[in-house]
Amino acid sequence: MPGMDAGTKTVLKAGPRKGSMVVGDIPPGKDELWVLFNCRGEGKAEIILEPGYNMPFSCLGDVISPIMNRLDLGQRKTLTVRIQAPDSVEWALRVTR
């Protein structure tokens, strides 16, 4: 599971697992979000926050690829988080605020 900084609160997490999955919902709010994602295995993975945000990544063979993105979306509605990935990609996700 990807790490998190002191003083943050986990709002959603999943994995490690392979393939695609609907992870869950992030409730409305105005806090910035940190998306921490690790993947391993050959292929493309995409984090989708519906509505409107897509983050595609390339994952590499036996190397763990750590990714961290800060999203400052202002006032937001509920976001549904999905991971789109082939079965060849193992991943773990943590979203904090």
N, C-alpha and C. Protein backbone atom coordinates (compact mmCIF):
# COMPACT_ATOMS: atom_id res chain seq x y z
N MET A 1 0.85 -1.18 0.00
CA MET A 1 0.00 0.00 0.00
C MET A 1 0.89 1.24 0.00
N PRO A 2 0.60 2.22 -0.88
CA PRO A 2 1.41 3.43 -0.88
C PRO A 2 1.36 4.14 0.46
N GLY A 3 2.46 4.77 0.84
CA GLY A 3 2.55 5.49 2.10
C GLY A 3 1.76 6.78 2.08
N MET A 4 1.75 7.47 3.20
CA MET A 4 1.09 8.77 3.27
C MET A 4 1.86 9.65 4.24
N ASP A 5 1.73 10.95 4.06
CA ASP A 5 2.43 11.90 4.92
C ASP A 5 1.70 12.05 6.25
N ALA A 6 2.45 12.39 7.29
CA ALA A 6 1.85 12.66 8.60
C ALA A 6 0.87 13.83 8.47
N GLY A 7 -0.23 13.74 9.16
CA GLY A 7 -1.21 14.81 9.13
C GLY A 7 -2.26 14.67 8.05
N THR A 8 -2.19 13.61 7.25
CA THR A 8 -3.21 13.39 6.23
C THR A 8 -4.18 12.30 6.70
N LYS A 9 -5.35 12.27 6.08
CA LYS A 9 -6.35 11.27 6.42
C LYS A 9 -6.70 10.48 5.17
N THR A 10 -6.65 9.16 5.27
CA THR A 10 -7.01 8.30 4.15
C THR A 10 -8.52 8.35 3.95
N VAL A 11 -8.93 8.61 2.71
CA VAL A 11 -10.36 8.63 2.39
C VAL A 11 -10.77 7.44 1.53
N LEU A 12 -9.78 6.78 0.90
CA LEU A 12 -10.08 5.62 0.06
C LEU A 12 -8.80 4.85 -0.17
N LYS A 13 -8.87 3.51 -0.15
CA LYS A 13 -7.69 2.70 -0.47
C LYS A 13 -8.12 1.37 -1.03
N ALA A 14 -7.23 0.78 -1.83
CA ALA A 14 -7.50 -0.54 -2.41
C ALA A 14 -6.19 -1.17 -2.83
N GLY A 15 -6.21 -2.50 -2.89
CA GLY A 15 -5.05 -3.23 -3.37
C GLY A 15 -4.19 -3.73 -2.23
N PRO A 16 -3.16 -4.45 -2.57
CA PRO A 16 -2.73 -4.74 -3.93
C PRO A 16 -3.67 -5.74 -4.62
N ARG A 17 -3.85 -5.52 -5.91
CA ARG A 17 -4.67 -6.40 -6.74
C ARG A 17 -4.30 -6.22 -8.20
N LYS A 18 -4.85 -7.06 -9.06
CA LYS A 18 -4.58 -6.98 -10.50
C LYS A 18 -5.88 -6.71 -11.24
N GLY A 19 -5.75 -6.07 -12.39
CA GLY A 19 -6.90 -5.82 -13.25
C GLY A 19 -7.69 -4.58 -12.84
N SER A 20 -8.85 -4.44 -13.46
CA SER A 20 -9.69 -3.26 -13.26
C SER A 20 -10.61 -3.42 -12.07
N MET A 21 -11.05 -2.27 -11.52
CA MET A 21 -11.91 -2.31 -10.33
C MET A 21 -12.55 -0.94 -10.12
N VAL A 22 -13.80 -0.93 -9.68
CA VAL A 22 -14.40 0.28 -9.14
C VAL A 22 -14.00 0.31 -7.67
N VAL A 23 -13.20 1.30 -7.27
CA VAL A 23 -12.65 1.34 -5.92
C VAL A 23 -13.68 1.86 -4.93
N GLY A 24 -14.39 2.93 -5.27
CA GLY A 24 -15.39 3.48 -4.36
C GLY A 24 -15.58 4.97 -4.59
N ASP A 25 -16.27 5.61 -3.65
CA ASP A 25 -16.59 7.02 -3.76
C ASP A 25 -15.83 7.86 -2.74
N ILE A 26 -15.47 9.05 -3.17
CA ILE A 26 -14.90 10.06 -2.27
C ILE A 26 -15.99 11.08 -2.04
N PRO A 27 -16.36 11.34 -0.77
CA PRO A 27 -17.47 12.25 -0.50
C PRO A 27 -17.16 13.69 -0.92
N PRO A 28 -18.21 14.50 -1.08
CA PRO A 28 -18.01 15.91 -1.45
C PRO A 28 -17.14 16.62 -0.43
N GLY A 29 -16.49 17.69 -0.88
CA GLY A 29 -15.65 18.48 0.01
C GLY A 29 -14.90 19.53 -0.76
N LYS A 30 -14.01 20.20 -0.08
CA LYS A 30 -13.18 21.21 -0.73
C LYS A 30 -11.70 21.02 -0.44
N ASP A 31 -11.35 19.95 0.28
CA ASP A 31 -9.95 19.68 0.60
C ASP A 31 -9.20 19.24 -0.65
N GLU A 32 -7.90 19.55 -0.70
CA GLU A 32 -7.08 18.99 -1.76
C GLU A 32 -6.96 17.49 -1.52
N LEU A 33 -6.79 16.74 -2.58
CA LEU A 33 -6.64 15.29 -2.49
C LEU A 33 -5.25 14.90 -2.98
N TRP A 34 -4.68 13.89 -2.35
CA TRP A 34 -3.42 13.29 -2.81
C TRP A 34 -3.75 11.89 -3.28
N VAL A 35 -3.37 11.58 -4.50
CA VAL A 35 -3.57 10.25 -5.08
C VAL A 35 -2.21 9.57 -5.12
N LEU A 36 -2.06 8.51 -4.33
CA LEU A 36 -0.82 7.74 -4.27
C LEU A 36 -1.09 6.39 -4.92
N PHE A 37 -0.27 6.03 -5.89
CA PHE A 37 -0.52 4.83 -6.69
C PHE A 37 0.79 4.13 -6.96
N ASN A 38 0.84 2.84 -6.72
CA ASN A 38 1.99 2.00 -7.07
C ASN A 38 1.52 0.97 -8.07
N CYS A 39 2.33 0.72 -9.09
CA CYS A 39 1.98 -0.35 -10.02
C CYS A 39 3.23 -1.11 -10.43
N ARG A 40 3.01 -2.34 -10.84
CA ARG A 40 4.10 -3.22 -11.27
C ARG A 40 3.51 -4.18 -12.30
N GLY A 41 4.30 -4.46 -13.33
CA GLY A 41 3.84 -5.32 -14.41
C GLY A 41 3.75 -4.52 -15.70
N GLU A 42 3.94 -5.19 -16.80
CA GLU A 42 3.96 -4.51 -18.09
C GLU A 42 2.55 -4.14 -18.53
N GLY A 43 2.32 -2.84 -18.76
CA GLY A 43 1.03 -2.42 -19.26
C GLY A 43 0.67 -1.01 -18.85
N LYS A 44 -0.47 -0.58 -19.30
CA LYS A 44 -0.99 0.76 -19.00
C LYS A 44 -2.05 0.64 -17.91
N ALA A 45 -2.02 1.59 -16.99
CA ALA A 45 -3.06 1.68 -15.95
C ALA A 45 -3.60 3.10 -15.98
N GLU A 46 -4.86 3.24 -15.61
CA GLU A 46 -5.47 4.56 -15.58
C GLU A 46 -6.31 4.69 -14.32
N ILE A 47 -6.10 5.79 -13.61
CA ILE A 47 -6.95 6.14 -12.48
C ILE A 47 -8.00 7.09 -13.02
N ILE A 48 -9.26 6.76 -12.79
CA ILE A 48 -10.36 7.57 -13.30
C ILE A 48 -11.18 8.05 -12.10
N LEU A 49 -11.29 9.36 -11.97
CA LEU A 49 -12.14 9.97 -10.95
C LEU A 49 -13.31 10.60 -11.69
N GLU A 50 -14.47 10.00 -11.55
CA GLU A 50 -15.65 10.48 -12.28
C GLU A 50 -16.45 11.42 -11.39
N PRO A 51 -16.89 12.54 -11.94
CA PRO A 51 -16.76 12.91 -13.35
C PRO A 51 -15.52 13.74 -13.63
N GLY A 52 -14.88 13.46 -14.76
CA GLY A 52 -13.98 14.40 -15.36
C GLY A 52 -12.48 14.33 -15.17
N TYR A 53 -11.92 13.38 -14.43
CA TYR A 53 -10.47 13.36 -14.21
C TYR A 53 -9.90 12.00 -14.56
N ASN A 54 -8.93 11.98 -15.48
CA ASN A 54 -8.27 10.73 -15.87
C ASN A 54 -6.77 10.90 -15.71
N MET A 55 -6.12 9.90 -15.12
CA MET A 55 -4.68 9.92 -14.93
C MET A 55 -4.10 8.61 -15.48
N PRO A 56 -3.59 8.62 -16.72
CA PRO A 56 -3.00 7.40 -17.30
C PRO A 56 -1.52 7.25 -16.91
N PHE A 57 -1.08 6.01 -16.75
CA PHE A 57 0.29 5.70 -16.38
C PHE A 57 0.78 4.48 -17.14
N SER A 58 2.09 4.41 -17.35
CA SER A 58 2.73 3.21 -17.89
C SER A 58 3.41 2.50 -16.74
N CYS A 59 3.11 1.23 -16.59
CA CYS A 59 3.72 0.41 -15.54
C CYS A 59 4.77 -0.48 -16.18
N LEU A 60 5.85 -0.77 -15.44
CA LEU A 60 7.01 -1.43 -16.01
C LEU A 60 7.31 -2.76 -15.35
N GLY A 61 7.35 -3.82 -16.11
CA GLY A 61 7.81 -5.14 -15.70
C GLY A 61 7.81 -5.42 -14.21
N ASP A 62 8.99 -5.77 -13.67
CA ASP A 62 9.12 -6.12 -12.26
C ASP A 62 9.46 -4.92 -11.38
N VAL A 63 9.45 -3.73 -11.94
CA VAL A 63 9.79 -2.52 -11.20
C VAL A 63 8.52 -1.90 -10.63
N ILE A 64 8.53 -1.57 -9.33
CA ILE A 64 7.39 -0.87 -8.74
C ILE A 64 7.49 0.60 -9.12
N SER A 65 6.45 1.10 -9.77
CA SER A 65 6.42 2.50 -10.19
C SER A 65 5.53 3.28 -9.23
N PRO A 66 6.12 4.12 -8.36
CA PRO A 66 5.31 4.92 -7.45
C PRO A 66 4.90 6.24 -8.12
N ILE A 67 3.64 6.59 -7.95
CA ILE A 67 3.10 7.81 -8.53
C ILE A 67 2.36 8.56 -7.45
N MET A 68 2.54 9.88 -7.41
CA MET A 68 1.80 10.70 -6.45
C MET A 68 1.34 11.96 -7.17
N ASN A 69 0.05 12.25 -7.08
CA ASN A 69 -0.53 13.45 -7.68
C ASN A 69 -1.33 14.21 -6.65
N ARG A 70 -1.19 15.52 -6.68
CA ARG A 70 -1.99 16.41 -5.83
C ARG A 70 -3.09 17.00 -6.69
N LEU A 71 -4.32 16.90 -6.22
CA LEU A 71 -5.46 17.46 -6.92
C LEU A 71 -6.10 18.53 -6.04
N ASP A 72 -6.11 19.75 -6.53
CA ASP A 72 -6.78 20.84 -5.83
C ASP A 72 -7.98 21.22 -6.68
N LEU A 73 -9.11 20.59 -6.40
CA LEU A 73 -10.29 20.70 -7.25
C LEU A 73 -11.26 21.77 -6.78
N GLY A 74 -10.95 22.44 -5.68
CA GLY A 74 -11.92 23.39 -5.12
C GLY A 74 -13.11 22.62 -4.56
N GLN A 75 -14.27 23.26 -4.52
CA GLN A 75 -15.48 22.58 -4.05
C GLN A 75 -15.81 21.46 -5.03
N ARG A 76 -15.98 20.26 -4.55
CA ARG A 76 -16.23 19.13 -5.45
C ARG A 76 -17.44 18.33 -5.00
N LYS A 77 -18.04 17.66 -5.97
CA LYS A 77 -19.13 16.72 -5.71
C LYS A 77 -18.50 15.36 -5.42
N THR A 78 -19.32 14.37 -5.15
CA THR A 78 -18.82 13.01 -4.95
C THR A 78 -18.07 12.55 -6.18
N LEU A 79 -16.89 11.97 -5.97
CA LEU A 79 -16.09 11.41 -7.05
C LEU A 79 -16.08 9.89 -6.93
N THR A 80 -16.37 9.21 -8.03
CA THR A 80 -16.26 7.75 -8.07
C THR A 80 -14.90 7.40 -8.66
N VAL A 81 -14.15 6.57 -7.94
CA VAL A 81 -12.79 6.21 -8.35
C VAL A 81 -12.79 4.82 -8.95
N ARG A 82 -12.22 4.72 -10.17
CA ARG A 82 -12.06 3.44 -10.85
C ARG A 82 -10.61 3.29 -11.29
N ILE A 83 -10.14 2.06 -11.30
CA ILE A 83 -8.84 1.74 -11.88
C ILE A 83 -9.11 0.89 -13.11
N GLN A 84 -8.52 1.30 -14.23
CA GLN A 84 -8.59 0.52 -15.46
C GLN A 84 -7.20 -0.02 -15.72
N ALA A 85 -7.04 -1.33 -15.68
CA ALA A 85 -5.71 -1.94 -15.86
C ALA A 85 -5.88 -3.38 -16.35
N PRO A 86 -4.92 -3.87 -17.14
CA PRO A 86 -4.96 -5.27 -17.55
C PRO A 86 -4.59 -6.18 -16.38
N ASP A 87 -4.88 -7.45 -16.52
CA ASP A 87 -4.54 -8.42 -15.46
C ASP A 87 -3.04 -8.57 -15.25
N SER A 88 -2.23 -8.07 -16.20
CA SER A 88 -0.77 -8.14 -16.07
C SER A 88 -0.21 -7.08 -15.12
N VAL A 89 -1.04 -6.12 -14.72
CA VAL A 89 -0.59 -5.03 -13.86
C VAL A 89 -1.14 -5.20 -12.45
N GLU A 90 -0.22 -5.26 -11.47
CA GLU A 90 -0.60 -5.28 -10.05
C GLU A 90 -0.49 -3.85 -9.53
N TRP A 91 -1.46 -3.43 -8.74
CA TRP A 91 -1.47 -2.04 -8.29
C TRP A 91 -2.02 -1.92 -6.88
N ALA A 92 -1.73 -0.78 -6.27
CA ALA A 92 -2.28 -0.40 -4.97
C ALA A 92 -2.55 1.10 -5.00
N LEU A 93 -3.63 1.53 -4.38
CA LEU A 93 -4.05 2.93 -4.42
C LEU A 93 -4.40 3.41 -3.03
N ARG A 94 -4.03 4.66 -2.74
CA ARG A 94 -4.46 5.33 -1.52
C ARG A 94 -4.76 6.77 -1.89
N VAL A 95 -5.93 7.26 -1.46
CA VAL A 95 -6.29 8.66 -1.65
C VAL A 95 -6.41 9.28 -0.26
N THR A 96 -5.68 10.38 -0.05
CA THR A 96 -5.70 11.04 1.25
C THR A 96 -6.13 12.51 1.07
N ARG A 97 -6.49 13.10 2.19
CA ARG A 97 -6.80 14.54 2.17
C ARG A 97 -6.11 15.19 3.35
